[in-house]
Every structure is written in structure tokens, then in C-alpha cells.
Amino acid sequence: MPTLTLPHPISANRYWRHFRGRTVVSKEAKDYQAAVRQNAIEQGIRQAHQGAITLWVSYHPRKPKKWRGGPCRSLDLSNVLKVAEDALNGIAWEDDSQAVSIHLAKGVPVEGGQLVVSWESAHFTNPQQD
């Protein structure tokens, strides 16, 4: 199962910008996507997966300087997921619409923060034929 360790994502609030009545991807988002692409290449991802996938995402927030365990300030999990899915489109998979099952969790804080993303082919069952 391919697994990528990616840099801490940008906030979904910084991902999109409104310009002349249109919503566009921000420069910060494009820079993050470029960093994710480079990171994926360095970790051996050479071709986007085709077909349905099951996706696992573990978000590790930035570790505060005086952290003593317990919860800390972090990004919203659902927004982290969307940023990660979009950043990996055309890299790890063709399009995030391929995800048919998603497992999302928040892990312990780490220096600088990170995302750990894994995926594998998904297999469907048809409940009408069981």
C-alpha cells in the first residue's frame, strides 16, 4: 500500500481566493501542491492510481513549543482532507472522486506538523446481489 508523508497542509481558508467574481486556487495552494508533488516523487510515486480507492489520512498538527500532551490547536479535519485530496489529484490518483471509502484521524502533534496518506484499490460489494 503506497504511503506518503507530506508537509503540514495549508488551511482551507487560504486555499481559495476570490478574484473578479470567480473563485480560484491561491498562490499559497499552488505552492503547497508543488511541494506535495515533489515530495511524492521523492518518495517513489511515479504514476497516478486508476480506479476506486480506499483512503487513509492521518493528520498530525504542529507541536506547540510548550506542549505537555493532550489536545492542541489544529486545523479542522474535514478541511485537511479536502486540501490533501486536491493536492494529490493527478499525483497519487487521477481524481479524488475515486475515493469510495475514507478513514480520517488526528494523530499526536509533531514538529512542523504533517499528513500521512495511504491508499489502495477498493473492492465493491453489491448488497442487492448478496
C-alpha atoms as a PDB file:
ATOM      1  CA  MET A   1       0.000   0.000   0.000  1.00  0.00           C
ATOM      2  CA  PRO A   2       1.591   3.314  -1.005  1.00  0.00           C
ATOM      3  CA  THR A   3       2.085   5.746   1.880  1.00  0.00           C
ATOM      4  CA  LEU A   4       3.197   9.363   1.688  1.00  0.00           C
ATOM      5  CA  THR A   5       4.360  11.614   4.481  1.00  0.00           C
ATOM      6  CA  LEU A   6       3.517  15.147   3.439  1.00  0.00           C
ATOM      7  CA  PRO A   7       4.162  18.610   4.840  1.00  0.00           C
ATOM      8  CA  HIS A   8       1.606  20.249   7.109  1.00  0.00           C
ATOM      9  CA  PRO A   9      -1.300  21.354   4.905  1.00  0.00           C
ATOM     10  CA  ILE A  10      -2.391  24.927   4.441  1.00  0.00           C
ATOM     11  CA  SER A  11      -5.707  25.998   5.872  1.00  0.00           C
ATOM     12  CA  ALA A  12      -8.728  25.533   3.599  1.00  0.00           C
ATOM     13  CA  ASN A  13      -9.400  29.235   4.233  1.00  0.00           C
ATOM     14  CA  ARG A  14      -6.110  30.045   2.486  1.00  0.00           C
ATOM     15  CA  TYR A  15      -6.614  27.515  -0.314  1.00  0.00           C
ATOM     16  CA  TRP A  16      -9.179  29.514  -2.276  1.00  0.00           C
ATOM     17  CA  ARG A  17      -9.232  33.193  -3.269  1.00  0.00           C
ATOM     18  CA  HIS A  18     -11.991  35.285  -4.781  1.00  0.00           C
ATOM     19  CA  PHE A  19     -10.871  37.314  -7.779  1.00  0.00           C
ATOM     20  CA  ARG A  20     -13.110  39.339 -10.096  1.00  0.00           C
ATOM     21  CA  GLY A  21     -16.204  37.372  -9.146  1.00  0.00           C
ATOM     22  CA  ARG A  22     -14.507  33.975  -9.535  1.00  0.00           C
ATOM     23  CA  THR A  23     -13.117  31.542  -7.007  1.00  0.00           C
ATOM     24  CA  VAL A  24      -9.569  30.484  -7.838  1.00  0.00           C
ATOM     25  CA  VAL A  25      -6.821  28.410  -6.237  1.00  0.00           C
ATOM     26  CA  SER A  26      -4.450  30.708  -4.299  1.00  0.00           C
ATOM     27  CA  LYS A  27      -0.716  31.054  -4.928  1.00  0.00           C
ATOM     28  CA  GLU A  28      -0.167  29.506  -1.495  1.00  0.00           C
ATOM     29  CA  ALA A  29      -2.243  26.481  -2.561  1.00  0.00           C
ATOM     30  CA  LYS A  30      -0.282  26.144  -5.811  1.00  0.00           C
ATOM     31  CA  ASP A  31       2.961  26.274  -3.825  1.00  0.00           C
ATOM     32  CA  TYR A  32       1.645  23.577  -1.465  1.00  0.00           C
ATOM     33  CA  GLN A  33       0.590  21.407  -4.422  1.00  0.00           C
ATOM     34  CA  ALA A  34       4.080  21.780  -5.927  1.00  0.00           C
ATOM     35  CA  ALA A  35       5.666  20.767  -2.594  1.00  0.00           C
ATOM     36  CA  VAL A  36       3.355  17.733  -2.384  1.00  0.00           C
ATOM     37  CA  ARG A  37       4.199  16.730  -5.970  1.00  0.00           C
ATOM     38  CA  GLN A  38       7.950  16.989  -5.288  1.00  0.00           C
ATOM     39  CA  ASN A  39       7.550  15.105  -2.013  1.00  0.00           C
ATOM     40  CA  ALA A  40       5.606  12.302  -3.749  1.00  0.00           C
ATOM     41  CA  ILE A  41       8.266  11.951  -6.452  1.00  0.00           C
ATOM     42  CA  GLU A  42      10.998  11.794  -3.805  1.00  0.00           C
ATOM     43  CA  GLN A  43       9.015   9.058  -2.018  1.00  0.00           C
ATOM     44  CA  GLY A  44       8.723   6.976  -5.201  1.00  0.00           C
ATOM     45  CA  ILE A  45       5.230   7.787  -6.535  1.00  0.00           C
ATOM     46  CA  ARG A  46       5.544   7.677 -10.305  1.00  0.00           C
ATOM     47  CA  GLN A  47       2.013   7.120 -11.600  1.00  0.00           C
ATOM     48  CA  ALA A  48      -1.495   8.113 -10.516  1.00  0.00           C
ATOM     49  CA  HIS A  49      -3.648   5.186  -9.351  1.00  0.00           C
ATOM     50  CA  GLN A  50      -6.582   4.344 -11.608  1.00  0.00           C
ATOM     51  CA  GLY A  51      -9.886   3.004 -10.317  1.00  0.00           C
ATOM     52  CA  ALA A  52     -11.658   3.119  -6.973  1.00  0.00           C
ATOM     53  CA  ILE A  53      -9.550   3.623  -3.840  1.00  0.00           C
ATOM     54  CA  THR A  54      -9.786   3.332  -0.090  1.00  0.00           C
ATOM     55  CA  LEU A  55      -8.004   6.255   1.520  1.00  0.00           C
ATOM     56  CA  TRP A  56      -6.392   6.641   4.963  1.00  0.00           C
ATOM     57  CA  VAL A  57      -5.346  10.090   6.168  1.00  0.00           C
ATOM     58  CA  SER A  58      -3.659  10.810   9.487  1.00  0.00           C
ATOM     59  CA  TYR A  59      -3.231  14.487  10.342  1.00  0.00           C
ATOM     60  CA  HIS A  60      -0.516  15.403  12.835  1.00  0.00           C
ATOM     61  CA  PRO A  61      -0.820  19.040  13.925  1.00  0.00           C
ATOM     62  CA  ARG A  62       2.164  21.258  14.595  1.00  0.00           C
ATOM     63  CA  LYS A  63       3.618  20.551  18.026  1.00  0.00           C
ATOM     64  CA  PRO A  64       3.468  23.640  20.271  1.00  0.00           C
ATOM     65  CA  LYS A  65       6.742  24.669  21.914  1.00  0.00           C
ATOM     66  CA  LYS A  66       5.387  24.049  25.416  1.00  0.00           C
ATOM     67  CA  TRP A  67       3.204  21.040  24.615  1.00  0.00           C
ATOM     68  CA  ARG A  68       2.727  18.674  27.546  1.00  0.00           C
ATOM     69  CA  GLY A  69       0.378  16.222  25.914  1.00  0.00           C
ATOM     70  CA  GLY A  70      -3.327  16.467  25.275  1.00  0.00           C
ATOM     71  CA  PRO A  71      -5.212  18.446  22.651  1.00  0.00           C
ATOM     72  CA  CYS A  72      -3.620  21.385  20.878  1.00  0.00           C
ATOM     73  CA  ARG A  73      -4.742  23.939  18.346  1.00  0.00           C
ATOM     74  CA  SER A  74      -5.057  22.436  14.880  1.00  0.00           C
ATOM     75  CA  LEU A  75      -6.837  22.567  11.543  1.00  0.00           C
ATOM     76  CA  ASP A  76     -10.335  21.168  11.056  1.00  0.00           C
ATOM     77  CA  LEU A  77     -10.096  17.511   9.981  1.00  0.00           C
ATOM     78  CA  SER A  78     -12.616  17.759   7.139  1.00  0.00           C
ATOM     79  CA  ASN A  79     -10.728  20.715   5.656  1.00  0.00           C
ATOM     80  CA  VAL A  80      -7.419  18.873   5.978  1.00  0.00           C
ATOM     81  CA  LEU A  81      -8.941  16.019   3.996  1.00  0.00           C
ATOM     82  CA  LYS A  82     -10.075  18.259   1.128  1.00  0.00           C
ATOM     83  CA  VAL A  83      -6.714  20.026   0.876  1.00  0.00           C
ATOM     84  CA  ALA A  84      -4.879  16.660   0.848  1.00  0.00           C
ATOM     85  CA  GLU A  85      -7.223  15.120  -1.730  1.00  0.00           C
ATOM     86  CA  ASP A  86      -6.902  18.092  -4.064  1.00  0.00           C
ATOM     87  CA  ALA A  87      -3.118  18.302  -3.667  1.00  0.00           C
ATOM     88  CA  LEU A  88      -2.725  14.623  -4.618  1.00  0.00           C
ATOM     89  CA  ASN A  89      -5.022  14.748  -7.680  1.00  0.00           C
ATOM     90  CA  GLY A  90      -3.002  13.707 -10.735  1.00  0.00           C
ATOM     91  CA  ILE A  91      -0.156  12.511  -8.494  1.00  0.00           C
ATOM     92  CA  ALA A  92      -1.323   9.656  -6.272  1.00  0.00           C
ATOM     93  CA  TRP A  93      -4.686   9.197  -8.000  1.00  0.00           C
ATOM     94  CA  GLU A  94      -6.319  10.708 -11.046  1.00  0.00           C
ATOM     95  CA  ASP A  95      -9.120  12.479  -9.146  1.00  0.00           C
ATOM     96  CA  ASP A  96     -10.325  12.483  -5.551  1.00  0.00           C
ATOM     97  CA  SER A  97     -13.730  11.278  -6.746  1.00  0.00           C
ATOM     98  CA  GLN A  98     -12.094   7.820  -6.955  1.00  0.00           C
ATOM     99  CA  ALA A  99     -12.227   7.554  -3.145  1.00  0.00           C
ATOM    100  CA  VAL A 100     -15.091   5.265  -2.137  1.00  0.00           C
ATOM    101  CA  SER A 101     -14.003   4.795   1.464  1.00  0.00           C
ATOM    102  CA  ILE A 102     -12.116   7.282   3.642  1.00  0.00           C
ATOM    103  CA  HIS A 103     -10.561   6.787   7.077  1.00  0.00           C
ATOM    104  CA  LEU A 104      -9.543  10.065   8.694  1.00  0.00           C
ATOM    105  CA  ALA A 105      -7.855  10.576  12.064  1.00  0.00           C
ATOM    106  CA  LYS A 106      -5.970  13.180  14.040  1.00  0.00           C
ATOM    107  CA  GLY A 107      -2.669  11.956  15.434  1.00  0.00           C
ATOM    108  CA  VAL A 108      -0.295  13.340  18.009  1.00  0.00           C
ATOM    109  CA  PRO A 109       1.388  16.662  17.260  1.00  0.00           C
ATOM    110  CA  VAL A 110       4.844  16.524  15.647  1.00  0.00           C
ATOM    111  CA  GLU A 111       7.474  19.160  14.934  1.00  0.00           C
ATOM    112  CA  GLY A 112       6.269  21.192  11.953  1.00  0.00           C
ATOM    113  CA  GLY A 113       3.124  19.066  11.540  1.00  0.00           C
ATOM    114  CA  GLN A 114       2.477  16.543   8.758  1.00  0.00           C
ATOM    115  CA  LEU A 115      -0.025  14.432   6.874  1.00  0.00           C
ATOM    116  CA  VAL A 116       0.362  10.705   6.359  1.00  0.00           C
ATOM    117  CA  VAL A 117      -1.695   9.465   3.409  1.00  0.00           C
ATOM    118  CA  SER A 118      -2.128   5.847   2.268  1.00  0.00           C
ATOM    119  CA  TRP A 119      -4.377   4.305  -0.370  1.00  0.00           C
ATOM    120  CA  GLU A 120      -5.185   1.005  -2.015  1.00  0.00           C
ATOM    121  CA  SER A 121      -7.578  -0.366  -4.593  1.00  0.00           C
ATOM    122  CA  ALA A 122     -11.125  -0.584  -3.298  1.00  0.00           C
ATOM    123  CA  HIS A 123     -13.358  -3.552  -3.938  1.00  0.00           C
ATOM    124  CA  PHE A 124     -17.089  -3.116  -4.139  1.00  0.00           C
ATOM    125  CA  THR A 125     -19.793  -5.437  -2.961  1.00  0.00           C
ATOM    126  CA  ASN A 126     -23.315  -5.133  -4.219  1.00  0.00           C
ATOM    127  CA  PRO A 127     -25.772  -5.616  -1.306  1.00  0.00           C
ATOM    128  CA  GLN A 128     -28.562  -6.353  -3.779  1.00  0.00           C
ATOM    129  CA  GLN A 129     -26.742  -9.468  -5.003  1.00  0.00           C
ATOM    130  CA  ASP A 130     -25.632 -10.840  -1.606  1.00  0.00           C
END
